[in-house]
Amino acid sequence: MPVVMSPLSFAENDPPPVAPEPPQDGECCGSGCDPCVYDLYYEARERHRVAMREWEQRQAGAAPIATARDSEK
């Protein structure tokens, strides 16, 4: 039997992706390492963009979360 999640539990179980932190000052040694910490950061940033688009699409398709005001109607 499939599990049916309420809109609130869906939102709680599907938080937005967390953006990667940029390299800190001094993490790049400037010697041309392959891969450089900036290369890794840019790759992680691109993965975050894709994950964010997918998350936004899931959120757009989710039922709206009921509020206390909705229950007063």
C-alpha atoms as a PDB file:
ATOM      1  CA  MET A   1       0.000   0.000   0.000  1.00  0.00           C
ATOM      2  CA  PRO A   2       1.543   3.386  -0.958  1.00  0.00           C
ATOM      3  CA  VAL A   3       2.212   5.882   1.770  1.00  0.00           C
ATOM      4  CA  VAL A   4       0.203   9.075   1.355  1.00  0.00           C
ATOM      5  CA  MET A   5       1.887  12.086   2.895  1.00  0.00           C
ATOM      6  CA  SER A   6       0.004  15.148   4.005  1.00  0.00           C
ATOM      7  CA  PRO A   7       1.138  18.403   2.380  1.00  0.00           C
ATOM      8  CA  LEU A   8       2.817  19.436   5.625  1.00  0.00           C
ATOM      9  CA  SER A   9       4.769  16.183   5.945  1.00  0.00           C
ATOM     10  CA  PHE A  10       5.763  16.430   2.266  1.00  0.00           C
ATOM     11  CA  ALA A  11       7.186  19.913   2.816  1.00  0.00           C
ATOM     12  CA  GLU A  12       8.980  18.795   5.958  1.00  0.00           C
ATOM     13  CA  ASN A  13      10.491  15.781   4.193  1.00  0.00           C
ATOM     14  CA  ASP A  14      11.585  17.727   1.122  1.00  0.00           C
ATOM     15  CA  PRO A  15      13.595  20.736   2.290  1.00  0.00           C
ATOM     16  CA  PRO A  16      15.287  22.923  -0.320  1.00  0.00           C
ATOM     17  CA  PRO A  17      18.798  21.920  -1.331  1.00  0.00           C
ATOM     18  CA  VAL A  18      21.567  23.635   0.600  1.00  0.00           C
ATOM     19  CA  ALA A  19      23.911  25.760  -1.497  1.00  0.00           C
ATOM     20  CA  PRO A  20      27.596  24.864  -1.312  1.00  0.00           C
ATOM     21  CA  GLU A  21      29.909  27.129   0.635  1.00  0.00           C
ATOM     22  CA  PRO A  22      32.527  28.909  -1.462  1.00  0.00           C
ATOM     23  CA  PRO A  23      36.162  28.168  -0.654  1.00  0.00           C
ATOM     24  CA  GLN A  24      37.521  30.165   2.254  1.00  0.00           C
ATOM     25  CA  ASP A  25      40.342  32.656   1.856  1.00  0.00           C
ATOM     26  CA  GLY A  26      43.591  30.760   1.571  1.00  0.00           C
ATOM     27  CA  GLU A  27      42.042  27.405   0.567  1.00  0.00           C
ATOM     28  CA  CYS A  28      43.302  27.832  -2.989  1.00  0.00           C
ATOM     29  CA  CYS A  29      47.077  27.609  -3.054  1.00  0.00           C
ATOM     30  CA  GLY A  30      47.306  29.239  -6.491  1.00  0.00           C
ATOM     31  CA  SER A  31      49.614  26.545  -7.866  1.00  0.00           C
ATOM     32  CA  GLY A  32      47.205  25.256 -10.508  1.00  0.00           C
ATOM     33  CA  CYS A  33      46.098  22.068  -8.733  1.00  0.00           C
ATOM     34  CA  ASP A  34      43.825  19.810 -10.763  1.00  0.00           C
ATOM     35  CA  PRO A  35      41.175  19.873  -9.512  1.00  0.00           C
ATOM     36  CA  CYS A  36      41.371  23.199  -7.729  1.00  0.00           C
ATOM     37  CA  VAL A  37      39.069  23.865  -4.787  1.00  0.00           C
ATOM     38  CA  TYR A  38      37.333  26.388  -7.032  1.00  0.00           C
ATOM     39  CA  ASP A  39      36.753  23.720  -9.699  1.00  0.00           C
ATOM     40  CA  LEU A  40      35.106  21.550  -7.061  1.00  0.00           C
ATOM     41  CA  TYR A  41      33.058  24.489  -5.821  1.00  0.00           C
ATOM     42  CA  TYR A  42      31.823  25.386  -9.323  1.00  0.00           C
ATOM     43  CA  GLU A  43      30.831  21.763  -9.936  1.00  0.00           C
ATOM     44  CA  ALA A  44      28.959  21.661  -6.616  1.00  0.00           C
ATOM     45  CA  ARG A  45      27.271  24.963  -7.452  1.00  0.00           C
ATOM     46  CA  GLU A  46      26.058  23.553 -10.779  1.00  0.00           C
ATOM     47  CA  ARG A  47      24.715  20.422  -9.032  1.00  0.00           C
ATOM     48  CA  HIS A  48      22.931  22.725  -6.578  1.00  0.00           C
ATOM     49  CA  ARG A  49      21.319  24.684  -9.441  1.00  0.00           C
ATOM     50  CA  VAL A  50      19.995  21.456 -10.959  1.00  0.00           C
ATOM     51  CA  ALA A  51      18.786  20.177  -7.579  1.00  0.00           C
ATOM     52  CA  MET A  52      17.115  23.517  -6.879  1.00  0.00           C
ATOM     53  CA  ARG A  53      15.237  23.440 -10.206  1.00  0.00           C
ATOM     54  CA  GLU A  54      14.065  19.892  -9.481  1.00  0.00           C
ATOM     55  CA  TRP A  55      13.012  20.877  -5.950  1.00  0.00           C
ATOM     56  CA  GLU A  56      11.083  23.911  -7.251  1.00  0.00           C
ATOM     57  CA  GLN A  57       9.263  21.684  -9.747  1.00  0.00           C
ATOM     58  CA  ARG A  58       8.313  19.254  -6.967  1.00  0.00           C
ATOM     59  CA  GLN A  59       7.085  22.126  -4.812  1.00  0.00           C
ATOM     60  CA  ALA A  60       5.016  23.546  -7.668  1.00  0.00           C
ATOM     61  CA  GLY A  61       3.321  20.158  -8.048  1.00  0.00           C
ATOM     62  CA  ALA A  62       2.685  19.689  -4.311  1.00  0.00           C
ATOM     63  CA  ALA A  63      -0.621  20.502  -2.735  1.00  0.00           C
ATOM     64  CA  PRO A  64      -0.660  23.791  -0.824  1.00  0.00           C
ATOM     65  CA  ILE A  65      -0.021  23.536   2.886  1.00  0.00           C
ATOM     66  CA  ALA A  66      -3.169  24.043   4.925  1.00  0.00           C
ATOM     67  CA  THR A  67      -3.025  26.886   7.416  1.00  0.00           C
ATOM     68  CA  ALA A  68      -5.064  27.589  10.540  1.00  0.00           C
ATOM     69  CA  ARG A  69      -6.926  30.258   8.588  1.00  0.00           C
ATOM     70  CA  ASP A  70      -7.954  27.624   5.992  1.00  0.00           C
ATOM     71  CA  SER A  71      -9.543  25.498   8.705  1.00  0.00           C
ATOM     72  CA  GLU A  72     -11.727  28.423   9.808  1.00  0.00           C
ATOM     73  CA  LYS A  73     -13.559  28.408   6.464  1.00  0.00           C
END
